[in-house]
N, C-alpha and C. Protein backbone atom coordinates (compact mmCIF):
# COMPACT_ATOMS: atom_id res chain seq x y z
N MET A 1 -24.58 -62.49 -27.21
CA MET A 1 -25.08 -63.45 -26.79
C MET A 1 -26.30 -63.76 -26.18
N THR A 2 -27.24 -64.48 -26.41
CA THR A 2 -28.19 -64.62 -25.11
C THR A 2 -28.88 -66.01 -25.04
N CYS A 3 -28.60 -66.65 -23.68
CA CYS A 3 -28.65 -67.86 -23.68
C CYS A 3 -29.77 -68.05 -22.82
N THR A 4 -30.92 -68.93 -23.00
CA THR A 4 -32.09 -69.13 -22.31
C THR A 4 -32.29 -70.49 -21.41
N ILE A 5 -32.75 -70.92 -20.24
CA ILE A 5 -32.99 -71.79 -20.02
C ILE A 5 -34.35 -72.62 -20.23
N VAL A 6 -34.59 -73.57 -21.04
CA VAL A 6 -35.40 -73.82 -21.70
C VAL A 6 -36.18 -75.20 -20.74
N GLN A 7 -35.19 -76.11 -20.09
CA GLN A 7 -35.77 -77.38 -20.12
C GLN A 7 -34.80 -78.00 -18.92
N GLY A 8 -34.85 -78.96 -18.04
CA GLY A 8 -34.02 -79.56 -17.38
C GLY A 8 -33.68 -78.96 -15.97
N GLU A 9 -32.92 -79.03 -15.19
CA GLU A 9 -32.82 -78.36 -13.75
C GLU A 9 -32.42 -77.07 -13.78
N ASP A 10 -32.69 -76.55 -12.49
CA ASP A 10 -32.53 -74.87 -12.62
C ASP A 10 -30.89 -74.69 -12.69
N ALA A 11 -30.43 -73.51 -12.81
CA ALA A 11 -29.33 -73.55 -13.00
C ALA A 11 -28.46 -72.09 -12.30
N VAL A 12 -27.39 -71.94 -12.21
CA VAL A 12 -26.79 -70.71 -11.60
C VAL A 12 -25.58 -70.11 -12.41
N VAL A 13 -25.46 -69.32 -12.42
CA VAL A 13 -24.71 -68.06 -13.55
C VAL A 13 -23.64 -67.63 -12.35
N SER A 14 -22.18 -67.54 -12.69
CA SER A 14 -21.41 -67.31 -11.72
C SER A 14 -20.85 -66.12 -12.51
N ILE A 15 -20.79 -64.97 -11.91
CA ILE A 15 -20.02 -63.65 -12.39
C ILE A 15 -19.13 -63.25 -11.95
N ASP A 16 -17.88 -63.19 -12.92
CA ASP A 16 -16.23 -63.29 -12.01
C ASP A 16 -15.71 -64.30 -11.05
N GLY A 17 -16.57 -65.10 -10.71
CA GLY A 17 -16.20 -66.45 -9.39
C GLY A 17 -16.90 -65.76 -8.34
N TRP A 18 -17.47 -64.74 -8.27
CA TRP A 18 -17.30 -63.86 -6.87
C TRP A 18 -19.39 -64.21 -6.56
N ILE A 19 -20.10 -63.79 -7.45
CA ILE A 19 -21.47 -63.91 -7.21
C ILE A 19 -22.27 -64.67 -7.90
N ASP A 20 -23.12 -65.59 -7.25
CA ASP A 20 -23.70 -66.49 -7.88
C ASP A 20 -25.09 -66.29 -8.18
N GLN A 21 -25.83 -66.45 -9.09
CA GLN A 21 -26.78 -65.88 -9.68
C GLN A 21 -27.73 -66.87 -10.11
N PRO A 22 -29.05 -67.31 -9.03
CA PRO A 22 -29.82 -68.76 -9.39
C PRO A 22 -30.50 -68.58 -10.94
N LEU A 23 -30.85 -69.25 -11.86
CA LEU A 23 -31.64 -69.47 -12.94
C LEU A 23 -32.87 -70.38 -12.68
N LYS A 24 -33.56 -69.83 -13.18
CA LYS A 24 -35.26 -70.81 -13.19
C LYS A 24 -35.08 -71.00 -14.76
N ILE A 25 -36.04 -71.83 -15.06
CA ILE A 25 -36.50 -72.13 -16.60
C ILE A 25 -37.13 -70.76 -16.76
N GLY A 26 -36.64 -70.54 -18.31
CA GLY A 26 -37.71 -69.11 -18.68
C GLY A 26 -36.69 -67.86 -18.45
N ASP A 27 -35.38 -67.88 -17.53
CA ASP A 27 -34.79 -67.11 -17.72
C ASP A 27 -33.72 -66.89 -18.53
N ARG A 28 -33.39 -65.52 -18.75
CA ARG A 28 -32.47 -65.34 -19.92
C ARG A 28 -31.08 -64.85 -19.49
N VAL A 29 -30.08 -64.97 -20.09
CA VAL A 29 -28.79 -64.05 -19.69
C VAL A 29 -28.01 -63.72 -21.02
N SER A 30 -27.77 -62.65 -20.71
CA SER A 30 -27.36 -61.66 -22.14
C SER A 30 -25.94 -61.17 -21.96
N VAL A 31 -24.98 -61.88 -22.82
CA VAL A 31 -23.66 -60.99 -22.44
C VAL A 31 -23.49 -60.24 -23.84
N THR A 32 -22.84 -59.30 -23.62
CA THR A 32 -22.24 -58.08 -24.48
C THR A 32 -21.23 -57.45 -24.52
N GLU A 33 -20.51 -57.57 -25.61
CA GLU A 33 -18.92 -56.80 -26.00
C GLU A 33 -19.01 -55.28 -25.02
N ALA A 34 -17.87 -55.47 -24.24
CA ALA A 34 -17.85 -54.06 -23.45
C ALA A 34 -17.22 -53.04 -24.83
N GLU A 35 -17.52 -51.53 -24.24
CA GLU A 35 -17.04 -50.38 -24.92
C GLU A 35 -15.46 -50.37 -25.43
N GLN A 36 -14.65 -50.89 -23.75
CA GLN A 36 -13.25 -50.70 -23.67
C GLN A 36 -12.91 -52.05 -23.64
N PRO A 37 -11.65 -52.81 -24.45
CA PRO A 37 -11.13 -53.99 -24.47
C PRO A 37 -10.30 -54.09 -22.68
N ILE A 38 -10.73 -55.32 -22.52
CA ILE A 38 -9.37 -55.83 -21.49
C ILE A 38 -8.31 -56.29 -21.94
N ASN A 39 -7.37 -55.83 -21.01
CA ASN A 39 -6.06 -56.56 -21.21
C ASN A 39 -5.40 -57.16 -20.05
N PHE A 40 -4.89 -58.72 -20.56
CA PHE A 40 -4.78 -59.25 -19.08
C PHE A 40 -3.22 -59.47 -19.09
N VAL A 41 -2.57 -59.54 -18.07
CA VAL A 41 -1.18 -59.48 -17.49
C VAL A 41 -0.56 -61.03 -17.44
N GLU A 42 0.50 -61.38 -17.66
CA GLU A 42 0.86 -62.66 -17.75
C GLU A 42 2.45 -62.61 -17.10
N LEU A 43 2.14 -63.00 -15.88
CA LEU A 43 3.24 -63.42 -15.18
C LEU A 43 4.26 -64.28 -15.81
N GLN A 44 6.01 -64.15 -16.05
CA GLN A 44 7.05 -64.95 -16.42
C GLN A 44 6.72 -66.04 -15.57
N GLY A 45 6.41 -67.58 -16.21
CA GLY A 45 6.41 -69.11 -15.64
C GLY A 45 5.25 -69.29 -14.97
N ALA A 46 3.82 -68.35 -15.27
CA ALA A 46 2.87 -68.46 -14.89
C ALA A 46 2.15 -69.22 -16.30
N ALA A 47 0.93 -70.04 -15.91
CA ALA A 47 0.35 -70.63 -16.75
C ALA A 47 -0.47 -69.28 -17.71
N PRO A 48 -0.74 -69.59 -18.62
CA PRO A 48 -1.12 -68.68 -19.39
C PRO A 48 -3.05 -68.47 -18.91
N PHE A 49 -3.86 -67.59 -19.12
CA PHE A 49 -4.86 -67.34 -18.50
C PHE A 49 -6.01 -68.06 -19.11
N TRP A 50 -5.94 -68.50 -20.20
CA TRP A 50 -7.31 -69.40 -20.84
C TRP A 50 -6.66 -70.91 -20.75
N ASP A 51 -5.39 -70.99 -20.43
CA ASP A 51 -5.49 -72.45 -19.71
C ASP A 51 -5.85 -72.86 -18.44
N LEU A 52 -5.70 -71.90 -17.96
CA LEU A 52 -6.32 -71.76 -16.33
C LEU A 52 -7.68 -71.86 -16.50
N VAL A 53 -8.98 -71.32 -17.38
CA VAL A 53 -9.60 -71.25 -17.14
C VAL A 53 -10.29 -72.53 -17.66
N ARG A 54 -9.40 -72.83 -18.71
CA ARG A 54 -9.82 -74.65 -19.30
C ARG A 54 -9.57 -75.79 -17.90
N GLN A 55 -8.33 -75.68 -17.61
CA GLN A 55 -8.44 -76.54 -16.01
C GLN A 55 -9.39 -76.06 -15.02
N LYS A 56 -10.08 -75.19 -14.64
CA LYS A 56 -10.90 -74.98 -13.90
C LYS A 56 -12.46 -75.67 -14.24
N VAL A 57 -12.85 -75.21 -15.61
CA VAL A 57 -14.19 -75.35 -15.99
C VAL A 57 -14.46 -76.90 -16.68
N ASP A 58 -13.04 -76.82 -17.42
CA ASP A 58 -13.01 -78.08 -18.34
C ASP A 58 -14.40 -78.03 -19.52
N LEU A 59 -14.51 -77.01 -19.90
CA LEU A 59 -15.71 -76.89 -21.24
C LEU A 59 -15.04 -76.32 -22.38
N LEU A 60 -13.99 -75.57 -22.08
CA LEU A 60 -13.36 -75.00 -23.33
C LEU A 60 -12.71 -75.74 -24.49
N PRO A 61 -12.63 -76.07 -25.60
CA PRO A 61 -11.78 -76.93 -26.42
C PRO A 61 -10.03 -76.70 -26.39
N ARG A 62 -9.22 -77.57 -26.47
CA ARG A 62 -8.08 -77.62 -25.94
C ARG A 62 -7.07 -77.38 -27.55
C-alpha cells in the first residue's frame, strides 16, 4: 500500500511507536508484506492486541 500526502498540513509517521518521521506534501509512505509472518503472544487476562491498538489510536473499526 502506498499513501501520498497531497494537501493539508504536514504529517508525521510513527514507526513502532519509537521513530517519528516528519512528512511533507508530496512525500510517500509505502507498506509491504513481510516475507516472514509475525506471531503475537497474548497473556492470559490481558487485553487483545488489536483492542489496545483501537484504544490508543481510536481509528480502527470496532
